[in-house]
Amino acid sequence: MAGIRGKESYLLKINTGTEATPVWTALEELAPGLTFNYSRDAIETTTINNTTNVKTYISGDSDFSISGTFHMMPGKTAQEKVLSAAMVGGTGKIQVQWAETVGTGEPLHTANMTVTTGTDTVQDPLTFDFEFKLMDEPTTTTQS
């Protein structure tokens, strides 16, 4: 049964190791307000013989992204991975692990994602707005 989520009761980690030997590091200095975005295409199936004047659809492909902001701090390994992937010349690819609710037995998702948006905001403190999108289907386990 779904409960009410408390403030900041989510998990977002970046692989700061290698794909073969992952080291999951919490993305440091996250600002409140992380967003998990779900969407699905709708494919129109209305035919020319339609007499109802109502369009019909079937379910299409789904999409998922994670967006948020972190306060940039020197020497933070997870931040450095995100910044490196996002910058011109970077691969765009990172490995991400996330959970929308923290707790034993709750789902834990892992996937390769691409950094599709990266915006430095020059203010005090420096902030970085990001969006990660799936590169492939995530694997899901449970939190221990």
N, C-alpha and C. Protein backbone atom coordinates (compact mmCIF):
# COMPACT_ATOMS: atom_id res chain seq x y z
N MET A 1 0.84 -1.16 0.00
CA MET A 1 0.00 0.00 0.00
C MET A 1 0.90 1.24 0.00
N ALA A 2 0.56 2.19 -0.86
CA ALA A 2 1.35 3.41 -0.96
C ALA A 2 1.06 4.30 0.24
N GLY A 3 2.12 4.84 0.80
CA GLY A 3 1.98 5.75 1.92
C GLY A 3 2.25 7.16 1.48
N ILE A 4 2.17 8.06 2.41
CA ILE A 4 2.49 9.45 2.13
C ILE A 4 4.01 9.60 2.26
N ARG A 5 4.59 10.16 1.23
CA ARG A 5 6.03 10.34 1.23
C ARG A 5 6.39 11.57 2.03
N GLY A 6 7.39 11.42 2.88
CA GLY A 6 7.89 12.57 3.63
C GLY A 6 8.88 13.37 2.80
N LYS A 7 9.19 14.54 3.25
CA LYS A 7 10.14 15.40 2.57
C LYS A 7 11.48 14.69 2.39
N GLU A 8 11.99 14.73 1.16
CA GLU A 8 13.31 14.19 0.83
C GLU A 8 13.44 12.70 1.13
N SER A 9 12.37 11.95 0.95
CA SER A 9 12.43 10.51 1.21
C SER A 9 12.60 9.73 -0.09
N TYR A 10 13.46 10.22 -0.96
CA TYR A 10 13.79 9.55 -2.20
C TYR A 10 15.30 9.29 -2.22
N LEU A 11 15.72 8.54 -3.22
CA LEU A 11 17.12 8.16 -3.33
C LEU A 11 17.57 8.44 -4.75
N LEU A 12 18.73 9.06 -4.93
CA LEU A 12 19.31 9.28 -6.25
C LEU A 12 20.81 9.11 -6.12
N LYS A 13 21.32 8.06 -6.78
CA LYS A 13 22.75 7.76 -6.71
C LYS A 13 23.32 7.67 -8.12
N ILE A 14 24.60 8.01 -8.23
CA ILE A 14 25.33 7.97 -9.49
C ILE A 14 26.45 6.96 -9.33
N ASN A 15 26.71 6.16 -10.37
CA ASN A 15 27.82 5.22 -10.34
C ASN A 15 29.11 6.00 -10.53
N THR A 16 29.91 6.09 -9.48
CA THR A 16 31.19 6.79 -9.56
C THR A 16 32.35 5.81 -9.75
N GLY A 17 32.01 4.52 -9.89
CA GLY A 17 33.01 3.50 -10.19
C GLY A 17 32.99 3.19 -11.67
N THR A 18 33.04 1.92 -12.01
CA THR A 18 32.96 1.48 -13.41
C THR A 18 31.69 0.67 -13.59
N GLU A 19 31.36 0.37 -14.85
CA GLU A 19 30.18 -0.48 -15.08
C GLU A 19 30.40 -1.86 -14.48
N ALA A 20 31.62 -2.38 -14.57
CA ALA A 20 31.92 -3.71 -14.04
C ALA A 20 31.94 -3.73 -12.52
N THR A 21 32.41 -2.64 -11.92
CA THR A 21 32.48 -2.53 -10.46
C THR A 21 31.85 -1.21 -10.03
N PRO A 22 30.51 -1.18 -9.96
CA PRO A 22 29.85 0.07 -9.60
C PRO A 22 30.10 0.49 -8.16
N VAL A 23 30.22 1.79 -7.97
CA VAL A 23 30.26 2.40 -6.64
C VAL A 23 29.14 3.42 -6.64
N TRP A 24 28.08 3.17 -5.87
CA TRP A 24 26.90 4.03 -5.88
C TRP A 24 27.06 5.14 -4.85
N THR A 25 27.13 6.38 -5.37
CA THR A 25 27.35 7.55 -4.54
C THR A 25 26.13 8.46 -4.64
N ALA A 26 25.56 8.83 -3.50
CA ALA A 26 24.41 9.73 -3.50
C ALA A 26 24.82 11.04 -4.17
N LEU A 27 23.96 11.56 -5.05
CA LEU A 27 24.22 12.84 -5.70
C LEU A 27 24.19 13.91 -4.61
N GLU A 28 25.33 14.54 -4.42
CA GLU A 28 25.53 15.46 -3.30
C GLU A 28 24.82 16.79 -3.52
N GLU A 29 24.44 17.40 -2.38
CA GLU A 29 23.90 18.76 -2.34
C GLU A 29 22.65 18.96 -3.20
N LEU A 30 21.78 17.92 -3.26
CA LEU A 30 20.52 18.05 -4.00
C LEU A 30 19.63 19.08 -3.34
N ALA A 31 19.04 19.93 -4.17
CA ALA A 31 18.05 20.88 -3.67
C ALA A 31 16.71 20.15 -3.53
N PRO A 32 15.85 20.58 -2.62
CA PRO A 32 14.52 19.96 -2.51
C PRO A 32 13.76 20.09 -3.84
N GLY A 33 12.93 19.10 -4.12
CA GLY A 33 12.08 19.20 -5.30
C GLY A 33 12.50 18.33 -6.46
N LEU A 34 13.13 17.20 -6.23
CA LEU A 34 13.46 16.26 -7.30
C LEU A 34 12.17 15.79 -7.97
N THR A 35 12.18 15.67 -9.31
CA THR A 35 10.97 15.31 -10.04
C THR A 35 11.19 14.04 -10.85
N PHE A 36 10.26 13.10 -10.73
CA PHE A 36 10.24 11.88 -11.54
C PHE A 36 9.13 12.06 -12.57
N ASN A 37 9.49 12.08 -13.86
CA ASN A 37 8.53 12.36 -14.93
C ASN A 37 8.22 11.10 -15.73
N TYR A 38 6.95 10.77 -15.82
CA TYR A 38 6.50 9.63 -16.61
C TYR A 38 5.62 10.13 -17.75
N SER A 39 5.77 9.55 -18.93
CA SER A 39 4.86 9.87 -20.03
C SER A 39 4.72 8.65 -20.92
N ARG A 40 3.68 8.64 -21.72
CA ARG A 40 3.44 7.55 -22.67
C ARG A 40 2.79 8.14 -23.91
N ASP A 41 3.29 7.72 -25.07
CA ASP A 41 2.69 8.15 -26.33
C ASP A 41 1.32 7.52 -26.49
N ALA A 42 0.46 8.22 -27.18
CA ALA A 42 -0.84 7.68 -27.58
C ALA A 42 -0.85 7.63 -29.10
N ILE A 43 -1.10 6.47 -29.65
CA ILE A 43 -1.11 6.29 -31.10
C ILE A 43 -2.55 6.30 -31.58
N GLU A 44 -2.85 7.24 -32.44
CA GLU A 44 -4.23 7.36 -32.92
C GLU A 44 -4.56 6.20 -33.87
N THR A 45 -5.72 5.59 -33.64
CA THR A 45 -6.17 4.46 -34.46
C THR A 45 -7.51 4.72 -35.13
N THR A 46 -7.95 5.97 -35.10
CA THR A 46 -9.23 6.32 -35.71
C THR A 46 -9.19 5.97 -37.20
N THR A 47 -10.26 5.37 -37.69
CA THR A 47 -10.30 5.02 -39.11
C THR A 47 -11.22 5.98 -39.86
N ILE A 48 -11.10 5.91 -41.16
CA ILE A 48 -11.93 6.76 -42.01
C ILE A 48 -13.41 6.38 -41.89
N ASN A 49 -13.67 5.14 -41.47
CA ASN A 49 -15.05 4.65 -41.33
C ASN A 49 -15.66 5.00 -39.97
N ASN A 50 -14.94 5.77 -39.16
CA ASN A 50 -15.42 6.13 -37.83
C ASN A 50 -16.71 6.94 -37.94
N THR A 51 -17.74 6.50 -37.23
CA THR A 51 -19.03 7.21 -37.25
C THR A 51 -19.36 7.84 -35.89
N THR A 52 -18.43 7.74 -34.93
CA THR A 52 -18.72 8.25 -33.58
C THR A 52 -18.24 9.67 -33.34
N ASN A 53 -17.43 10.21 -34.26
CA ASN A 53 -16.82 11.52 -34.08
C ASN A 53 -15.92 11.60 -32.85
N VAL A 54 -15.39 10.45 -32.44
CA VAL A 54 -14.47 10.37 -31.32
C VAL A 54 -13.21 9.66 -31.81
N LYS A 55 -12.07 10.29 -31.59
CA LYS A 55 -10.81 9.65 -31.96
C LYS A 55 -10.55 8.47 -31.03
N THR A 56 -9.88 7.44 -31.55
CA THR A 56 -9.52 6.27 -30.75
C THR A 56 -8.00 6.15 -30.74
N TYR A 57 -7.47 5.55 -29.65
CA TYR A 57 -6.02 5.47 -29.46
C TYR A 57 -5.64 4.12 -28.87
N ILE A 58 -4.38 3.75 -29.07
CA ILE A 58 -3.77 2.64 -28.35
C ILE A 58 -2.54 3.19 -27.62
N SER A 59 -2.10 2.46 -26.65
CA SER A 59 -0.94 2.87 -25.86
C SER A 59 0.34 2.72 -26.67
N GLY A 60 1.19 3.73 -26.61
CA GLY A 60 2.47 3.71 -27.32
C GLY A 60 3.63 3.55 -26.36
N ASP A 61 4.80 3.98 -26.80
CA ASP A 61 6.02 3.86 -26.00
C ASP A 61 5.99 4.80 -24.80
N SER A 62 6.66 4.36 -23.75
CA SER A 62 6.73 5.19 -22.53
C SER A 62 8.07 5.90 -22.45
N ASP A 63 8.12 6.90 -21.62
CA ASP A 63 9.32 7.69 -21.41
C ASP A 63 9.42 8.00 -19.92
N PHE A 64 10.64 8.17 -19.43
CA PHE A 64 10.85 8.47 -18.02
C PHE A 64 12.07 9.37 -17.89
N SER A 65 11.99 10.34 -17.00
CA SER A 65 13.14 11.19 -16.72
C SER A 65 13.13 11.60 -15.25
N ILE A 66 14.30 12.01 -14.81
CA ILE A 66 14.49 12.53 -13.47
C ILE A 66 15.09 13.92 -13.63
N SER A 67 14.52 14.90 -12.96
CA SER A 67 15.08 16.25 -13.04
C SER A 67 15.17 16.87 -11.67
N GLY A 68 16.12 17.78 -11.54
CA GLY A 68 16.32 18.45 -10.27
C GLY A 68 17.45 19.44 -10.35
N THR A 69 17.92 19.85 -9.19
CA THR A 69 18.99 20.85 -9.07
C THR A 69 19.92 20.44 -7.94
N PHE A 70 21.21 20.66 -8.15
CA PHE A 70 22.13 20.51 -7.03
C PHE A 70 23.01 21.75 -6.91
N HIS A 71 23.48 22.00 -5.69
CA HIS A 71 24.40 23.10 -5.41
C HIS A 71 25.81 22.58 -5.67
N MET A 72 26.50 23.21 -6.60
CA MET A 72 27.82 22.75 -7.02
C MET A 72 28.86 22.98 -5.93
N MET A 73 29.57 21.89 -5.62
CA MET A 73 30.62 21.94 -4.60
C MET A 73 31.84 21.21 -5.14
N PRO A 74 33.03 21.78 -5.02
CA PRO A 74 34.25 21.13 -5.51
C PRO A 74 34.49 19.79 -4.80
N GLY A 75 35.00 18.82 -5.57
CA GLY A 75 35.41 17.54 -4.99
C GLY A 75 34.29 16.55 -4.74
N LYS A 76 33.08 16.83 -5.18
CA LYS A 76 31.96 15.90 -4.98
C LYS A 76 31.92 14.94 -6.17
N THR A 77 32.20 13.66 -5.92
CA THR A 77 32.42 12.70 -7.01
C THR A 77 31.19 12.46 -7.88
N ALA A 78 30.00 12.36 -7.29
CA ALA A 78 28.80 12.13 -8.09
C ALA A 78 28.49 13.36 -8.94
N GLN A 79 28.63 14.55 -8.36
CA GLN A 79 28.44 15.78 -9.13
C GLN A 79 29.42 15.83 -10.31
N GLU A 80 30.68 15.48 -10.06
CA GLU A 80 31.69 15.52 -11.12
C GLU A 80 31.33 14.59 -12.27
N LYS A 81 30.76 13.41 -11.97
CA LYS A 81 30.32 12.47 -13.01
C LYS A 81 29.22 13.10 -13.87
N VAL A 82 28.24 13.73 -13.22
CA VAL A 82 27.13 14.37 -13.94
C VAL A 82 27.64 15.52 -14.79
N LEU A 83 28.47 16.38 -14.20
CA LEU A 83 29.00 17.53 -14.94
C LEU A 83 29.85 17.08 -16.12
N SER A 84 30.67 16.08 -15.94
CA SER A 84 31.52 15.56 -17.01
C SER A 84 30.69 15.01 -18.16
N ALA A 85 29.62 14.28 -17.84
CA ALA A 85 28.74 13.72 -18.88
C ALA A 85 27.98 14.81 -19.62
N ALA A 86 27.62 15.87 -18.91
CA ALA A 86 26.78 16.93 -19.49
C ALA A 86 27.55 17.89 -20.38
N MET A 87 28.82 18.06 -20.11
CA MET A 87 29.60 19.10 -20.81
C MET A 87 29.86 18.72 -22.26
N VAL A 88 30.11 19.75 -23.08
CA VAL A 88 30.48 19.53 -24.48
C VAL A 88 31.70 18.62 -24.50
N GLY A 89 31.63 17.57 -25.31
CA GLY A 89 32.71 16.60 -25.35
C GLY A 89 32.51 15.43 -24.41
N GLY A 90 31.55 15.56 -23.49
CA GLY A 90 31.23 14.46 -22.58
C GLY A 90 30.41 13.39 -23.30
N THR A 91 30.31 12.23 -22.71
CA THR A 91 29.58 11.12 -23.34
C THR A 91 28.07 11.29 -23.20
N GLY A 92 27.64 12.08 -22.22
CA GLY A 92 26.21 12.22 -21.94
C GLY A 92 25.67 11.08 -21.11
N LYS A 93 26.44 9.99 -21.00
CA LYS A 93 25.95 8.77 -20.35
C LYS A 93 26.41 8.67 -18.90
N ILE A 94 25.47 8.33 -18.02
CA ILE A 94 25.78 8.01 -16.64
C ILE A 94 24.92 6.83 -16.22
N GLN A 95 25.36 6.14 -15.18
CA GLN A 95 24.53 5.09 -14.58
C GLN A 95 23.89 5.67 -13.33
N VAL A 96 22.57 5.47 -13.23
CA VAL A 96 21.80 6.08 -12.15
C VAL A 96 21.03 5.00 -11.41
N GLN A 97 20.94 5.17 -10.10
CA GLN A 97 20.12 4.30 -9.25
C GLN A 97 19.18 5.21 -8.48
N TRP A 98 17.89 4.85 -8.47
CA TRP A 98 16.93 5.72 -7.79
C TRP A 98 15.80 4.92 -7.16
N ALA A 99 15.19 5.57 -6.18
CA ALA A 99 13.98 5.05 -5.54
C ALA A 99 13.12 6.25 -5.21
N GLU A 100 11.86 6.14 -5.50
CA GLU A 100 10.93 7.24 -5.22
C GLU A 100 10.48 7.24 -3.77
N THR A 101 10.63 6.11 -3.10
CA THR A 101 10.33 5.99 -1.68
C THR A 101 11.43 5.15 -1.06
N VAL A 102 12.00 5.60 0.03
CA VAL A 102 13.07 4.88 0.70
C VAL A 102 12.49 3.96 1.76
N GLY A 103 12.92 2.70 1.74
CA GLY A 103 12.46 1.76 2.76
C GLY A 103 12.74 0.33 2.36
N THR A 104 12.96 -0.51 3.33
CA THR A 104 13.21 -1.92 3.09
C THR A 104 12.06 -2.53 2.29
N GLY A 105 12.40 -3.23 1.21
CA GLY A 105 11.39 -3.88 0.37
C GLY A 105 10.82 -2.98 -0.72
N GLU A 106 11.12 -1.68 -0.68
CA GLU A 106 10.63 -0.76 -1.71
C GLU A 106 11.45 -0.94 -3.00
N PRO A 107 10.87 -0.64 -4.16
CA PRO A 107 11.59 -0.79 -5.42
C PRO A 107 12.84 0.09 -5.49
N LEU A 108 13.89 -0.46 -6.11
CA LEU A 108 15.14 0.25 -6.37
C LEU A 108 15.45 0.03 -7.86
N HIS A 109 15.57 1.11 -8.60
CA HIS A 109 15.74 1.05 -10.06
C HIS A 109 17.16 1.45 -10.43
N THR A 110 17.70 0.80 -11.45
CA THR A 110 19.04 1.09 -11.96
C THR A 110 18.97 1.12 -13.48
N ALA A 111 19.60 2.15 -14.10
CA ALA A 111 19.59 2.24 -15.55
C ALA A 111 20.71 3.14 -16.06
N ASN A 112 21.07 2.92 -17.32
CA ASN A 112 21.91 3.87 -18.02
C ASN A 112 21.01 5.02 -18.43
N MET A 113 21.48 6.23 -18.19
CA MET A 113 20.69 7.41 -18.54
C MET A 113 21.60 8.41 -19.24
N THR A 114 20.98 9.31 -19.97
CA THR A 114 21.73 10.38 -20.60
C THR A 114 21.34 11.70 -19.96
N VAL A 115 22.32 12.57 -19.81
CA VAL A 115 22.06 13.90 -19.27
C VAL A 115 21.57 14.75 -20.43
N THR A 116 20.27 15.02 -20.48
CA THR A 116 19.70 15.74 -21.61
C THR A 116 19.65 17.24 -21.38
N THR A 117 19.69 17.67 -20.14
CA THR A 117 19.69 19.09 -19.82
C THR A 117 20.69 19.32 -18.71
N GLY A 118 21.50 20.34 -18.88
CA GLY A 118 22.43 20.74 -17.84
C GLY A 118 22.57 22.24 -17.90
N THR A 119 22.19 22.93 -16.85
CA THR A 119 22.23 24.38 -16.85
C THR A 119 22.93 24.88 -15.59
N ASP A 120 24.06 25.56 -15.79
CA ASP A 120 24.74 26.23 -14.68
C ASP A 120 24.06 27.56 -14.44
N THR A 121 23.76 27.85 -13.20
CA THR A 121 23.22 29.15 -12.84
C THR A 121 24.25 29.85 -11.97
N VAL A 122 24.77 30.96 -12.45
CA VAL A 122 25.80 31.67 -11.72
C VAL A 122 25.14 32.56 -10.69
N GLN A 123 25.10 32.06 -9.50
CA GLN A 123 24.57 32.78 -8.35
C GLN A 123 25.29 32.23 -7.15
N ASP A 124 24.93 32.64 -5.99
CA ASP A 124 25.58 32.13 -4.80
C ASP A 124 24.56 31.37 -4.00
N PRO A 125 24.62 30.07 -3.86
CA PRO A 125 25.66 29.20 -4.41
C PRO A 125 25.41 28.88 -5.88
N LEU A 126 26.47 28.41 -6.57
CA LEU A 126 26.31 27.96 -7.94
C LEU A 126 25.39 26.76 -7.97
N THR A 127 24.46 26.74 -8.91
CA THR A 127 23.56 25.59 -9.01
C THR A 127 23.66 24.98 -10.39
N PHE A 128 23.24 23.73 -10.49
CA PHE A 128 23.23 23.00 -11.75
C PHE A 128 21.87 22.31 -11.86
N ASP A 129 21.08 22.71 -12.85
CA ASP A 129 19.80 22.06 -13.13
C ASP A 129 20.06 20.93 -14.11
N PHE A 130 19.48 19.76 -13.86
CA PHE A 130 19.73 18.60 -14.71
C PHE A 130 18.44 17.88 -15.05
N GLU A 131 18.52 17.10 -16.13
CA GLU A 131 17.47 16.13 -16.46
C GLU A 131 18.17 14.90 -17.01
N PHE A 132 17.81 13.73 -16.48
CA PHE A 132 18.32 12.45 -16.94
C PHE A 132 17.17 11.73 -17.65
N LYS A 133 17.46 11.14 -18.83
CA LYS A 133 16.47 10.34 -19.54
C LYS A 133 17.02 8.94 -19.77
N LEU A 134 16.11 7.97 -19.78
CA LEU A 134 16.50 6.57 -19.96
C LEU A 134 17.17 6.33 -21.31
N MET A 135 18.21 5.49 -21.29
CA MET A 135 18.85 5.03 -22.51
C MET A 135 18.41 3.59 -22.82
N ASP A 136 17.98 2.89 -21.81
CA ASP A 136 17.48 1.52 -21.96
C ASP A 136 16.54 1.23 -20.80
N GLU A 137 15.94 0.08 -20.83
CA GLU A 137 14.98 -0.27 -19.78
C GLU A 137 15.68 -0.48 -18.44
N PRO A 138 15.14 0.10 -17.36
CA PRO A 138 15.78 -0.08 -16.06
C PRO A 138 15.59 -1.49 -15.50
N THR A 139 16.51 -1.87 -14.64
CA THR A 139 16.34 -3.11 -13.87
C THR A 139 15.79 -2.68 -12.50
N THR A 140 14.95 -3.52 -11.94
CA THR A 140 14.33 -3.19 -10.66
C THR A 140 14.59 -4.32 -9.68
N THR A 141 15.09 -3.93 -8.50
CA THR A 141 15.28 -4.86 -7.39
C THR A 141 14.53 -4.25 -6.21
N THR A 142 14.81 -4.75 -5.01
CA THR A 142 14.20 -4.14 -3.83
C THR A 142 15.29 -3.66 -2.89
N GLN A 143 14.97 -2.64 -2.12
CA GLN A 143 15.93 -2.09 -1.16
C GLN A 143 16.04 -3.03 0.03
N SER A 144 17.27 -3.13 0.53
CA SER A 144 17.47 -3.98 1.72
C SER A 144 17.66 -3.14 2.95
